[in-house]
Amino acid sequence: MTGSRIVALGHYQPAKVLTNADLATMVDTSDEWIRSRVGIETRHVAGPDEPVDELAAHAGAKALAAAGLTPDDIDLVLVATSTAIDRSPNMAARVAARLGMGSPAVMDLNVVCAGFTHALATADHTVRAGAATRALVIGADKMAGVTDWSDRTTCVLVGDGAGAAVVEAARTGDDGAVDPRAEGAIGPVLWGSVPEMGHAVRIEGTPPRFAQEGQSVYRWATTQLPPIARKVCERAGVTPEDLAAVVLHQANLRIIEPVAQKIGAVNAVIARDVVQSGNTSAASIPMALSKLVERGEIASGDPVLLFGFGGNLSYAGQVIRCP
């Protein structure tokens, strides 16, 4: 039987940096107001000539290079995004074209902030089923393109970027199981949603604009998510105390820190990329994970909890082993 594992990661952010001081010249806000409410100091913002698929392709190319692979080695491209303006070609097809791939299957997933963890699970399941051998999984969003920059409740939150992972088939033992402690191993996903609260995070209208009910999202995340995240650990056969790192969706530092504390990951590095990058939606988890690995803050084989949540009031999480 076939299993799957993550073999490499990559990330990319646009060059332009927007500081809190910059925002204070655009709307009625201040550095102190932003830091105290969301913990963000800076964010990267893509320009009009930097579409989502370009961000995604840069991250994907870095992941491929880190894996020592060529574009033709990939037979499945999954792009998690909620900021694709065009319906077709989809972002995955555009990424494949930018990277000069052969004939991969190309699919987009729109699960907003939980998009990457959904896409990673989809790649894992597809490889395990034998329908693909190597997948390029990307979370990419250009939130700057769907933000009302005169609305201080939302414009202070967002940033742009992309993160990517290469997932490939892994050998299994005689019992058909992948060693759950092997480098890059992907644990079982736990996913779901709260459909009646789907209105709490929205990208709607013409032109589309990002809006959310911040207090509702905060209460839901800080009260409902910790027990779900502990169940993710249970499915993977680890305890929260075993975790070397926790990479939550980088929504808001005031959500990340209490949720991580309530999970009980007392020995873990907590990803806080939101401070420098803002909320990058589907890009936030793979970007934060890639940076932790790049900086050497976690080692190969370390257990890491990935947990996405947000738009649709959806969630998905799995424990992986650091590649």
Foldseek 3Di string as FASTA:
>chain_A
DKFKFWQFKFKDAAPDKQFQVNLVVQEVDHQVRLCVWFNAGIAGADDPPQDFLNQFLVGLVVRCVSNVHALQLWQEEEEEEDADPDPPPDSQVVSSVVRVYDHHHGYYHYPWQQRQLVQVQVVRVCQLVVVTFKYKGKYWYRQVVAEDSHDVVPPSFAHGIMMITMMGIDDDDPVSDDDLLAFRGWFDKDKDFDQVCLQQWDQDDVVTHTDGDVVVVQVCLLPPPLVVLQVQCVRSVHGLCQAAAEQEQQGGPSRQVNSNVSNPNVNYHYQNCCHHHGGHIRRRRRVSLNVCVVVVSDDGSGWYKYKTADRSRMIMIHITGHD
